[in-house]
Amino acid sequence: MRLFAAVLPPDHALGQLAGEVGRLKKLPDADRLRWTGRDGWHFTLAFYGEVPDAALPELHERLSRAAHRHAPYELRIAGGGRFGDRVVWAGADGDRPTMRHLADAAEAAGRRAGLRMGEHRPYTPHLTLARNRTGRLDLVPYAEALADFGSSPWTVEEVALIRSHPPAPGVPGAQPHYEPVARWPLGG
């Protein structure tokens, strides 16, 4: 199964972000973007890809340990940006150093469980809001519109292991479906 570790924002923060995304969708050419749904918004900590069933017990054990070693921390959805002309995202504010350490620990958990993790990259906490599906489109106005956004803060208290179900083939605009399969409290 296709898996990743993530932090899931609470409903109140997602609702605030949904209101902001509603305003973004009124910007020129917004209909040229493929917008992600609220149920897909998460902060990915580590992406594992296809994980064989035999590796799941070890991955669960390693993620449990990683969560246990990290204390709960404060976070809020804040600001935003873009990855070139491909993705519009909302960012994070709060205890980003702790979040980065948690992401490193989640990645290490995958490696120690024997998963092929690919190249290590600097961690940028973000929630993907939209993808450019039509080629060249200036995403700067979307990133600028997010500059002053900030949700109410919350305390991150757990790490979730999420299963990604691919979108239905051949269905225009279909989105992947995400299913939490395990959760571990921070700080234990």
N, C-alpha and C. Protein backbone atom coordinates (compact mmCIF):
# COMPACT_ATOMS: atom_id res chain seq x y z
N MET A 1 0.84 -1.19 0.00
CA MET A 1 0.00 0.00 0.00
C MET A 1 0.88 1.24 0.00
N ARG A 2 0.34 2.32 -0.54
CA ARG A 2 1.07 3.58 -0.67
C ARG A 2 0.85 4.39 0.61
N LEU A 3 1.95 4.72 1.32
CA LEU A 3 1.84 5.32 2.65
C LEU A 3 2.72 6.55 2.82
N PHE A 4 2.30 7.41 3.76
CA PHE A 4 3.13 8.53 4.20
C PHE A 4 2.78 8.87 5.64
N ALA A 5 3.71 9.51 6.33
CA ALA A 5 3.47 10.00 7.69
C ALA A 5 3.10 11.47 7.59
N ALA A 6 2.16 11.90 8.46
CA ALA A 6 1.67 13.27 8.35
C ALA A 6 1.18 13.81 9.68
N VAL A 7 1.05 15.13 9.70
CA VAL A 7 0.34 15.86 10.75
C VAL A 7 -0.97 16.31 10.12
N LEU A 8 -2.08 16.00 10.80
CA LEU A 8 -3.40 16.37 10.30
C LEU A 8 -3.93 17.56 11.09
N PRO A 9 -4.15 18.69 10.43
CA PRO A 9 -4.70 19.85 11.14
C PRO A 9 -6.11 19.58 11.64
N PRO A 10 -6.51 20.25 12.72
CA PRO A 10 -7.87 20.06 13.24
C PRO A 10 -8.91 20.75 12.35
N ASP A 11 -10.16 20.37 12.56
CA ASP A 11 -11.26 20.90 11.74
C ASP A 11 -11.34 22.42 11.75
N HIS A 12 -11.12 23.05 12.91
CA HIS A 12 -11.27 24.51 12.95
C HIS A 12 -10.25 25.19 12.05
N ALA A 13 -9.02 24.70 12.01
CA ALA A 13 -7.99 25.28 11.14
C ALA A 13 -8.30 25.00 9.68
N LEU A 14 -8.77 23.79 9.39
CA LEU A 14 -9.13 23.45 8.01
C LEU A 14 -10.29 24.31 7.52
N GLY A 15 -11.25 24.60 8.40
CA GLY A 15 -12.37 25.47 8.03
C GLY A 15 -11.91 26.87 7.70
N GLN A 16 -10.98 27.39 8.49
CA GLN A 16 -10.44 28.72 8.22
C GLN A 16 -9.70 28.74 6.88
N LEU A 17 -8.92 27.69 6.63
CA LEU A 17 -8.21 27.61 5.35
C LEU A 17 -9.19 27.47 4.19
N ALA A 18 -10.25 26.71 4.37
CA ALA A 18 -11.25 26.55 3.31
C ALA A 18 -11.84 27.90 2.92
N GLY A 19 -12.08 28.76 3.89
CA GLY A 19 -12.58 30.11 3.59
C GLY A 19 -11.60 30.90 2.75
N GLU A 20 -10.31 30.78 3.08
CA GLU A 20 -9.28 31.48 2.31
C GLU A 20 -9.17 30.91 0.89
N VAL A 21 -9.25 29.60 0.76
CA VAL A 21 -9.19 28.97 -0.56
C VAL A 21 -10.38 29.41 -1.40
N GLY A 22 -11.54 29.59 -0.78
CA GLY A 22 -12.71 30.10 -1.50
C GLY A 22 -12.41 31.45 -2.13
N ARG A 23 -11.66 32.29 -1.44
CA ARG A 23 -11.28 33.60 -2.00
C ARG A 23 -10.26 33.42 -3.13
N LEU A 24 -9.32 32.48 -2.97
CA LEU A 24 -8.34 32.23 -4.03
C LEU A 24 -9.01 31.78 -5.32
N LYS A 25 -10.06 31.00 -5.18
CA LYS A 25 -10.75 30.47 -6.35
C LYS A 25 -11.46 31.55 -7.16
N LYS A 26 -11.53 32.76 -6.61
CA LYS A 26 -12.15 33.88 -7.33
C LYS A 26 -11.12 34.70 -8.11
N LEU A 27 -9.83 34.35 -7.97
CA LEU A 27 -8.78 35.06 -8.70
C LEU A 27 -8.84 34.68 -10.18
N PRO A 28 -8.31 35.56 -11.06
CA PRO A 28 -8.31 35.24 -12.50
C PRO A 28 -7.59 33.91 -12.77
N ASP A 29 -8.14 33.14 -13.66
CA ASP A 29 -7.60 31.86 -14.13
C ASP A 29 -7.61 30.76 -13.07
N ALA A 30 -8.32 30.95 -11.97
CA ALA A 30 -8.37 29.92 -10.92
C ALA A 30 -8.98 28.62 -11.44
N ASP A 31 -9.82 28.71 -12.44
CA ASP A 31 -10.43 27.51 -13.00
C ASP A 31 -9.43 26.66 -13.78
N ARG A 32 -8.25 27.19 -14.04
CA ARG A 32 -7.21 26.44 -14.73
C ARG A 32 -6.38 25.58 -13.76
N LEU A 33 -6.63 25.75 -12.47
CA LEU A 33 -5.91 24.97 -11.46
C LEU A 33 -6.75 23.78 -11.02
N ARG A 34 -6.07 22.71 -10.61
CA ARG A 34 -6.75 21.55 -10.01
C ARG A 34 -6.63 21.72 -8.50
N TRP A 35 -7.72 22.07 -7.86
CA TRP A 35 -7.75 22.37 -6.43
C TRP A 35 -7.89 21.08 -5.63
N THR A 36 -7.12 20.96 -4.56
CA THR A 36 -7.27 19.80 -3.68
C THR A 36 -8.43 20.06 -2.73
N GLY A 37 -9.06 19.00 -2.29
CA GLY A 37 -10.18 19.13 -1.36
C GLY A 37 -9.71 19.21 0.08
N ARG A 38 -10.56 19.73 0.90
CA ARG A 38 -10.27 19.89 2.33
C ARG A 38 -9.86 18.57 2.98
N ASP A 39 -10.46 17.47 2.56
CA ASP A 39 -10.14 16.18 3.16
C ASP A 39 -8.75 15.68 2.76
N GLY A 40 -8.10 16.37 1.84
CA GLY A 40 -6.76 16.00 1.42
C GLY A 40 -5.66 16.87 2.00
N TRP A 41 -6.04 17.85 2.83
CA TRP A 41 -5.03 18.78 3.36
C TRP A 41 -4.33 18.16 4.56
N HIS A 42 -3.03 18.09 4.47
CA HIS A 42 -2.21 17.52 5.54
C HIS A 42 -0.78 18.05 5.38
N PHE A 43 -0.02 17.98 6.45
CA PHE A 43 1.41 18.28 6.40
C PHE A 43 2.15 16.94 6.31
N THR A 44 2.66 16.61 5.15
CA THR A 44 3.43 15.38 5.00
C THR A 44 4.74 15.51 5.77
N LEU A 45 5.05 14.50 6.57
CA LEU A 45 6.33 14.44 7.28
C LEU A 45 7.33 13.61 6.49
N ALA A 46 6.90 12.46 5.98
CA ALA A 46 7.76 11.57 5.20
C ALA A 46 6.88 10.76 4.27
N PHE A 47 7.32 10.64 3.03
CA PHE A 47 6.59 9.86 2.03
C PHE A 47 7.31 8.53 1.86
N TYR A 48 6.57 7.43 2.02
CA TYR A 48 7.17 6.09 1.95
C TYR A 48 6.92 5.39 0.63
N GLY A 49 5.95 5.80 -0.13
CA GLY A 49 5.62 5.12 -1.37
C GLY A 49 4.97 3.78 -1.10
N GLU A 50 5.17 2.84 -2.01
CA GLU A 50 4.59 1.50 -1.86
C GLU A 50 5.33 0.75 -0.76
N VAL A 51 4.60 0.36 0.26
CA VAL A 51 5.18 -0.34 1.41
C VAL A 51 4.65 -1.77 1.42
N PRO A 52 5.55 -2.75 1.37
CA PRO A 52 5.09 -4.14 1.43
C PRO A 52 4.51 -4.46 2.80
N ASP A 53 3.51 -5.34 2.83
CA ASP A 53 2.87 -5.73 4.09
C ASP A 53 3.88 -6.21 5.12
N ALA A 54 4.92 -6.90 4.67
CA ALA A 54 5.91 -7.44 5.59
C ALA A 54 6.68 -6.35 6.33
N ALA A 55 6.75 -5.13 5.77
CA ALA A 55 7.48 -4.02 6.40
C ALA A 55 6.62 -3.23 7.38
N LEU A 56 5.31 -3.45 7.37
CA LEU A 56 4.42 -2.64 8.20
C LEU A 56 4.69 -2.74 9.70
N PRO A 57 4.87 -3.92 10.27
CA PRO A 57 5.12 -3.97 11.72
C PRO A 57 6.35 -3.16 12.15
N GLU A 58 7.42 -3.27 11.38
CA GLU A 58 8.64 -2.52 11.70
C GLU A 58 8.41 -1.01 11.55
N LEU A 59 7.71 -0.61 10.48
CA LEU A 59 7.42 0.82 10.28
C LEU A 59 6.57 1.34 11.43
N HIS A 60 5.55 0.59 11.83
CA HIS A 60 4.71 1.01 12.95
C HIS A 60 5.54 1.18 14.21
N GLU A 61 6.41 0.23 14.50
CA GLU A 61 7.25 0.30 15.70
C GLU A 61 8.17 1.51 15.65
N ARG A 62 8.79 1.75 14.50
CA ARG A 62 9.72 2.89 14.36
C ARG A 62 8.99 4.22 14.46
N LEU A 63 7.80 4.33 13.87
CA LEU A 63 7.03 5.59 13.98
C LEU A 63 6.54 5.80 15.40
N SER A 64 6.16 4.75 16.08
CA SER A 64 5.75 4.85 17.48
C SER A 64 6.90 5.42 18.33
N ARG A 65 8.09 4.91 18.12
CA ARG A 65 9.27 5.41 18.86
C ARG A 65 9.54 6.87 18.53
N ALA A 66 9.47 7.20 17.24
CA ALA A 66 9.72 8.59 16.83
C ALA A 66 8.72 9.54 17.47
N ALA A 67 7.45 9.16 17.47
CA ALA A 67 6.43 10.00 18.10
C ALA A 67 6.68 10.14 19.60
N HIS A 68 7.04 9.05 20.22
CA HIS A 68 7.30 9.04 21.66
C HIS A 68 8.41 10.01 22.05
N ARG A 69 9.41 10.17 21.18
CA ARG A 69 10.56 11.01 21.49
C ARG A 69 10.32 12.50 21.23
N HIS A 70 9.18 12.87 20.69
CA HIS A 70 8.90 14.27 20.38
C HIS A 70 7.70 14.76 21.19
N ALA A 71 7.88 15.88 21.84
CA ALA A 71 6.80 16.47 22.64
C ALA A 71 5.78 17.15 21.74
N PRO A 72 4.53 17.26 22.20
CA PRO A 72 3.55 18.05 21.46
C PRO A 72 4.08 19.48 21.23
N TYR A 73 3.63 20.11 20.16
CA TYR A 73 4.11 21.45 19.84
C TYR A 73 2.99 22.28 19.21
N GLU A 74 3.19 23.58 19.23
CA GLU A 74 2.20 24.52 18.69
C GLU A 74 2.42 24.74 17.20
N LEU A 75 1.30 24.85 16.48
CA LEU A 75 1.36 25.07 15.04
C LEU A 75 0.12 25.82 14.60
N ARG A 76 0.21 26.48 13.48
CA ARG A 76 -0.95 27.04 12.80
C ARG A 76 -0.65 27.08 11.32
N ILE A 77 -1.69 27.03 10.53
CA ILE A 77 -1.53 27.19 9.08
C ILE A 77 -1.34 28.68 8.83
N ALA A 78 -0.29 29.03 8.11
CA ALA A 78 0.00 30.46 7.93
C ALA A 78 0.76 30.70 6.64
N GLY A 79 0.38 31.79 5.98
CA GLY A 79 1.07 32.18 4.77
C GLY A 79 0.91 31.17 3.67
N GLY A 80 1.78 31.27 2.71
CA GLY A 80 1.72 30.33 1.60
C GLY A 80 2.79 30.65 0.60
N GLY A 81 2.77 29.90 -0.46
CA GLY A 81 3.76 30.10 -1.50
C GLY A 81 3.45 29.24 -2.70
N ARG A 82 4.49 29.01 -3.48
CA ARG A 82 4.33 28.22 -4.70
C ARG A 82 5.63 27.48 -4.95
N PHE A 83 5.51 26.35 -5.59
CA PHE A 83 6.67 25.64 -6.09
C PHE A 83 6.69 25.89 -7.59
N GLY A 84 7.46 26.87 -7.99
CA GLY A 84 7.54 27.26 -9.40
C GLY A 84 6.18 27.61 -9.96
N ASP A 85 5.88 27.07 -11.12
CA ASP A 85 4.56 27.30 -11.72
C ASP A 85 3.72 26.04 -11.65
N ARG A 86 4.02 25.16 -10.64
CA ARG A 86 3.34 23.88 -10.55
C ARG A 86 2.34 23.77 -9.40
N VAL A 87 2.67 24.33 -8.21
CA VAL A 87 1.88 24.07 -7.01
C VAL A 87 1.70 25.34 -6.20
N VAL A 88 0.48 25.54 -5.69
CA VAL A 88 0.18 26.59 -4.71
C VAL A 88 -0.01 25.89 -3.37
N TRP A 89 0.62 26.43 -2.31
CA TRP A 89 0.54 25.78 -1.01
C TRP A 89 0.35 26.78 0.12
N ALA A 90 -0.19 26.28 1.23
CA ALA A 90 -0.28 27.04 2.47
C ALA A 90 0.83 26.54 3.38
N GLY A 91 1.40 27.43 4.17
CA GLY A 91 2.54 27.08 5.01
C GLY A 91 2.17 26.86 6.47
N ALA A 92 3.19 26.83 7.29
CA ALA A 92 3.03 26.58 8.72
C ALA A 92 3.80 27.64 9.50
N ASP A 93 3.29 27.95 10.67
CA ASP A 93 3.95 28.86 11.59
C ASP A 93 3.83 28.25 12.97
N GLY A 94 4.78 28.51 13.81
CA GLY A 94 4.78 27.94 15.15
C GLY A 94 6.13 27.30 15.40
N ASP A 95 6.12 26.16 16.03
CA ASP A 95 7.37 25.48 16.38
C ASP A 95 7.86 24.65 15.19
N ARG A 96 8.30 25.36 14.16
CA ARG A 96 8.79 24.70 12.94
C ARG A 96 10.04 23.85 13.18
N PRO A 97 10.96 24.26 14.09
CA PRO A 97 12.11 23.38 14.34
C PRO A 97 11.70 22.01 14.87
N THR A 98 10.72 21.96 15.76
CA THR A 98 10.25 20.67 16.26
C THR A 98 9.60 19.88 15.15
N MET A 99 8.84 20.55 14.29
CA MET A 99 8.20 19.87 13.17
C MET A 99 9.25 19.30 12.22
N ARG A 100 10.32 20.07 11.96
CA ARG A 100 11.39 19.58 11.09
C ARG A 100 12.06 18.35 11.70
N HIS A 101 12.31 18.37 13.02
CA HIS A 101 12.91 17.22 13.69
C HIS A 101 11.98 16.00 13.61
N LEU A 102 10.68 16.24 13.76
CA LEU A 102 9.71 15.15 13.66
C LEU A 102 9.71 14.57 12.25
N ALA A 103 9.79 15.44 11.24
CA ALA A 103 9.85 14.97 9.85
C ALA A 103 11.12 14.15 9.62
N ASP A 104 12.24 14.61 10.17
CA ASP A 104 13.49 13.84 10.03
C ASP A 104 13.36 12.48 10.70
N ALA A 105 12.72 12.44 11.87
CA ALA A 105 12.53 11.17 12.58
C ALA A 105 11.60 10.24 11.82
N ALA A 106 10.55 10.79 11.19
CA ALA A 106 9.63 9.96 10.40
C ALA A 106 10.34 9.40 9.17
N GLU A 107 11.20 10.19 8.56
CA GLU A 107 11.98 9.70 7.42
C GLU A 107 12.94 8.60 7.88
N ALA A 108 13.63 8.83 9.01
CA ALA A 108 14.55 7.83 9.54
C ALA A 108 13.81 6.54 9.89
N ALA A 109 12.59 6.66 10.38
CA ALA A 109 11.79 5.47 10.71
C ALA A 109 11.59 4.62 9.46
N GLY A 110 11.31 5.27 8.35
CA GLY A 110 11.15 4.53 7.10
C GLY A 110 12.43 3.85 6.66
N ARG A 111 13.53 4.57 6.76
CA ARG A 111 14.82 3.98 6.38
C ARG A 111 15.15 2.78 7.26
N ARG A 112 14.95 2.92 8.57
CA ARG A 112 15.27 1.84 9.51
C ARG A 112 14.33 0.65 9.34
N ALA A 113 13.14 0.91 8.79
CA ALA A 113 12.20 -0.19 8.52
C ALA A 113 12.51 -0.85 7.18
N GLY A 114 13.57 -0.38 6.51
CA GLY A 114 14.00 -0.99 5.27
C GLY A 114 13.36 -0.45 4.01
N LEU A 115 12.70 0.72 4.12
CA LEU A 115 12.05 1.31 2.95
C LEU A 115 13.03 2.15 2.15
N ARG A 116 12.85 2.19 0.85
CA ARG A 116 13.68 3.05 0.00
C ARG A 116 13.09 4.45 0.05
N MET A 117 13.83 5.37 0.63
CA MET A 117 13.30 6.70 0.89
C MET A 117 13.68 7.73 -0.17
N GLY A 118 14.59 7.41 -1.04
CA GLY A 118 15.01 8.40 -2.02
C GLY A 118 15.93 9.44 -1.39
N GLU A 119 16.16 10.50 -2.11
CA GLU A 119 17.08 11.55 -1.68
C GLU A 119 16.47 12.40 -0.56
N HIS A 120 17.28 12.66 0.47
CA HIS A 120 16.82 13.54 1.57
C HIS A 120 16.80 14.98 1.07
N ARG A 121 15.70 15.67 1.34
CA ARG A 121 15.56 17.08 0.95
C ARG A 121 15.25 17.91 2.18
N PRO A 122 15.62 19.18 2.16
CA PRO A 122 15.25 20.05 3.29
C PRO A 122 13.72 20.06 3.43
N TYR A 123 13.25 20.04 4.67
CA TYR A 123 11.82 19.95 4.93
C TYR A 123 11.16 21.32 4.84
N THR A 124 10.11 21.42 4.05
CA THR A 124 9.28 22.62 3.94
C THR A 124 7.85 22.23 4.27
N PRO A 125 7.39 22.51 5.51
CA PRO A 125 6.01 22.12 5.85
C PRO A 125 5.01 22.90 5.01
N HIS A 126 4.12 22.16 4.33
CA HIS A 126 3.13 22.82 3.49
C HIS A 126 1.92 21.90 3.27
N LEU A 127 0.80 22.53 2.96
CA LEU A 127 -0.40 21.82 2.53
C LEU A 127 -0.63 22.20 1.08
N THR A 128 -0.67 21.24 0.19
CA THR A 128 -0.90 21.51 -1.22
C THR A 128 -2.36 21.93 -1.42
N LEU A 129 -2.53 23.11 -2.01
CA LEU A 129 -3.87 23.63 -2.25
C LEU A 129 -4.32 23.44 -3.69
N ALA A 130 -3.39 23.61 -4.63
CA ALA A 130 -3.76 23.51 -6.04
C ALA A 130 -2.54 23.14 -6.87
N ARG A 131 -2.81 22.46 -7.97
CA ARG A 131 -1.77 22.12 -8.94
C ARG A 131 -2.13 22.74 -10.28
N ASN A 132 -1.11 23.22 -10.95
CA ASN A 132 -1.30 23.79 -12.27
C ASN A 132 -1.42 22.65 -13.27
N ARG A 133 -2.54 22.58 -13.95
CA ARG A 133 -2.78 21.45 -14.86
C ARG A 133 -2.73 21.86 -16.32
N THR A 134 -2.47 23.14 -16.60
CA THR A 134 -2.56 23.59 -17.99
C THR A 134 -1.26 24.19 -18.52
N GLY A 135 -0.15 23.95 -17.87
CA GLY A 135 1.10 24.52 -18.35
C GLY A 135 1.39 25.85 -17.69
N ARG A 136 1.87 26.80 -18.46
CA ARG A 136 2.31 28.08 -17.91
C ARG A 136 1.13 28.88 -17.35
N LEU A 137 1.21 29.17 -16.06
CA LEU A 137 0.24 30.02 -15.38
C LEU A 137 0.98 30.68 -14.24
N ASP A 138 0.85 31.98 -14.13
CA ASP A 138 1.56 32.72 -13.09
C ASP A 138 0.88 32.47 -11.75
N LEU A 139 1.56 31.77 -10.85
CA LEU A 139 1.00 31.46 -9.53
C LEU A 139 1.36 32.50 -8.48
N VAL A 140 2.12 33.51 -8.84
CA VAL A 140 2.51 34.54 -7.88
C VAL A 140 1.29 35.20 -7.22
N PRO A 141 0.23 35.56 -7.96
CA PRO A 141 -0.92 36.20 -7.30
C PRO A 141 -1.55 35.31 -6.21
N TYR A 142 -1.53 34.00 -6.39
CA TYR A 142 -2.10 33.09 -5.41
C TYR A 142 -1.22 33.06 -4.15
N ALA A 143 0.08 32.99 -4.36
CA ALA A 143 1.01 32.99 -3.22
C ALA A 143 0.92 34.32 -2.47
N GLU A 144 0.84 35.41 -3.19
CA GLU A 144 0.74 36.73 -2.55
C GLU A 144 -0.57 36.87 -1.77
N ALA A 145 -1.65 36.30 -2.30
CA ALA A 145 -2.94 36.39 -1.62
C ALA A 145 -2.93 35.63 -0.30
N LEU A 146 -2.05 34.65 -0.17
CA LEU A 146 -1.96 33.87 1.07
C LEU A 146 -1.03 34.50 2.12
N ALA A 147 -0.30 35.53 1.74
CA ALA A 147 0.75 36.08 2.60
C ALA A 147 0.26 36.43 4.01
N ASP A 148 -0.93 36.99 4.13
CA ASP A 148 -1.41 37.42 5.45
C ASP A 148 -2.34 36.41 6.11
N PHE A 149 -2.54 35.26 5.50
CA PHE A 149 -3.44 34.27 6.09
C PHE A 149 -2.79 33.61 7.30
N GLY A 150 -3.61 33.38 8.31
CA GLY A 150 -3.17 32.62 9.47
C GLY A 150 -4.37 32.01 10.16
N SER A 151 -4.34 30.72 10.39
CA SER A 151 -5.42 30.05 11.12
C SER A 151 -5.20 30.23 12.61
N SER A 152 -6.17 29.81 13.38
CA SER A 152 -6.00 29.74 14.83
C SER A 152 -4.96 28.66 15.13
N PRO A 153 -4.15 28.87 16.17
CA PRO A 153 -3.14 27.85 16.51
C PRO A 153 -3.78 26.65 17.19
N TRP A 154 -3.05 25.54 17.17
CA TRP A 154 -3.46 24.33 17.88
C TRP A 154 -2.19 23.62 18.34
N THR A 155 -2.38 22.63 19.18
CA THR A 155 -1.26 21.81 19.64
C THR A 155 -1.27 20.51 18.84
N VAL A 156 -0.16 20.25 18.15
CA VAL A 156 0.01 18.99 17.43
C VAL A 156 0.30 17.94 18.49
N GLU A 157 -0.55 16.92 18.53
CA GLU A 157 -0.44 15.90 19.58
C GLU A 157 -0.21 14.50 19.05
N GLU A 158 -0.18 14.33 17.71
CA GLU A 158 0.00 12.99 17.18
C GLU A 158 0.59 13.00 15.78
N VAL A 159 1.12 11.85 15.41
CA VAL A 159 1.59 11.57 14.05
C VAL A 159 0.65 10.52 13.49
N ALA A 160 0.28 10.69 12.23
CA ALA A 160 -0.61 9.72 11.57
C ALA A 160 0.12 9.05 10.42
N LEU A 161 -0.16 7.77 10.25
CA LEU A 161 0.28 7.05 9.06
C LEU A 161 -0.92 7.01 8.13
N ILE A 162 -0.74 7.51 6.92
CA ILE A 162 -1.85 7.71 5.99
C ILE A 162 -1.66 6.82 4.76
N ARG A 163 -2.74 6.17 4.36
CA ARG A 163 -2.75 5.41 3.12
C ARG A 163 -3.33 6.29 2.02
N SER A 164 -2.65 6.34 0.91
CA SER A 164 -3.09 7.12 -0.24
C SER A 164 -3.70 6.18 -1.28
N HIS A 165 -4.97 6.42 -1.58
CA HIS A 165 -5.66 5.68 -2.64
C HIS A 165 -5.63 6.56 -3.88
N PRO A 166 -5.10 6.09 -4.99
CA PRO A 166 -5.02 6.93 -6.19
C PRO A 166 -6.39 7.34 -6.69
N PRO A 167 -6.43 8.44 -7.45
CA PRO A 167 -7.72 8.86 -8.02
C PRO A 167 -8.23 7.84 -9.03
N ALA A 168 -9.52 7.86 -9.24
CA ALA A 168 -10.13 6.95 -10.22
C ALA A 168 -9.56 7.26 -11.60
N PRO A 169 -9.09 6.23 -12.30
CA PRO A 169 -8.51 6.46 -13.63
C PRO A 169 -9.59 6.92 -14.63
N GLY A 170 -9.18 7.85 -15.46
CA GLY A 170 -10.06 8.31 -16.52
C GLY A 170 -11.17 9.24 -16.08
N VAL A 171 -11.17 9.66 -14.80
CA VAL A 171 -12.21 10.57 -14.31
C VAL A 171 -11.59 11.96 -14.17
N PRO A 172 -11.96 12.90 -15.04
CA PRO A 172 -11.38 14.24 -14.97
C PRO A 172 -11.63 14.88 -13.59
N GLY A 173 -10.57 15.45 -13.04
CA GLY A 173 -10.68 16.13 -11.74
C GLY A 173 -10.71 15.21 -10.54
N ALA A 174 -10.60 13.89 -10.76
CA ALA A 174 -10.61 12.95 -9.62
C ALA A 174 -9.42 13.21 -8.72
N GLN A 175 -9.63 13.08 -7.43
CA GLN A 175 -8.60 13.34 -6.43
C GLN A 175 -8.24 12.04 -5.72
N PRO A 176 -7.00 11.96 -5.20
CA PRO A 176 -6.68 10.80 -4.37
C PRO A 176 -7.50 10.85 -3.08
N HIS A 177 -7.67 9.71 -2.47
CA HIS A 177 -8.38 9.62 -1.19
C HIS A 177 -7.35 9.21 -0.14
N TYR A 178 -7.39 9.87 1.03
CA TYR A 178 -6.43 9.59 2.09
C TYR A 178 -7.15 8.97 3.28
N GLU A 179 -6.55 7.90 3.80
CA GLU A 179 -7.15 7.15 4.90
C GLU A 179 -6.12 6.96 6.02
N PRO A 180 -6.37 7.52 7.20
CA PRO A 180 -5.47 7.24 8.32
C PRO A 180 -5.55 5.76 8.70
N VAL A 181 -4.39 5.11 8.81
CA VAL A 181 -4.37 3.69 9.17
C VAL A 181 -3.78 3.46 10.56
N ALA A 182 -3.07 4.45 11.10
CA ALA A 182 -2.53 4.35 12.45
C ALA A 182 -2.19 5.75 12.94
N ARG A 183 -2.20 5.90 14.25
CA ARG A 183 -1.86 7.19 14.88
C ARG A 183 -1.06 6.91 16.14
N TRP A 184 -0.10 7.80 16.41
CA TRP A 184 0.70 7.67 17.63
C TRP A 184 0.77 9.02 18.33
N PRO A 185 0.54 9.05 19.63
CA PRO A 185 0.62 10.31 20.38
C PRO A 185 2.07 10.78 20.51
N LEU A 186 2.24 12.08 20.42
CA LEU A 186 3.57 12.66 20.66
C LEU A 186 3.86 12.62 22.17
N GLY A 187 5.09 12.37 22.49
CA GLY A 187 5.52 12.39 23.88
C GLY A 187 5.13 11.18 24.68
N GLY A 188 4.22 10.39 24.18
CA GLY A 188 3.79 9.14 24.83
C GLY A 188 3.41 9.33 26.26
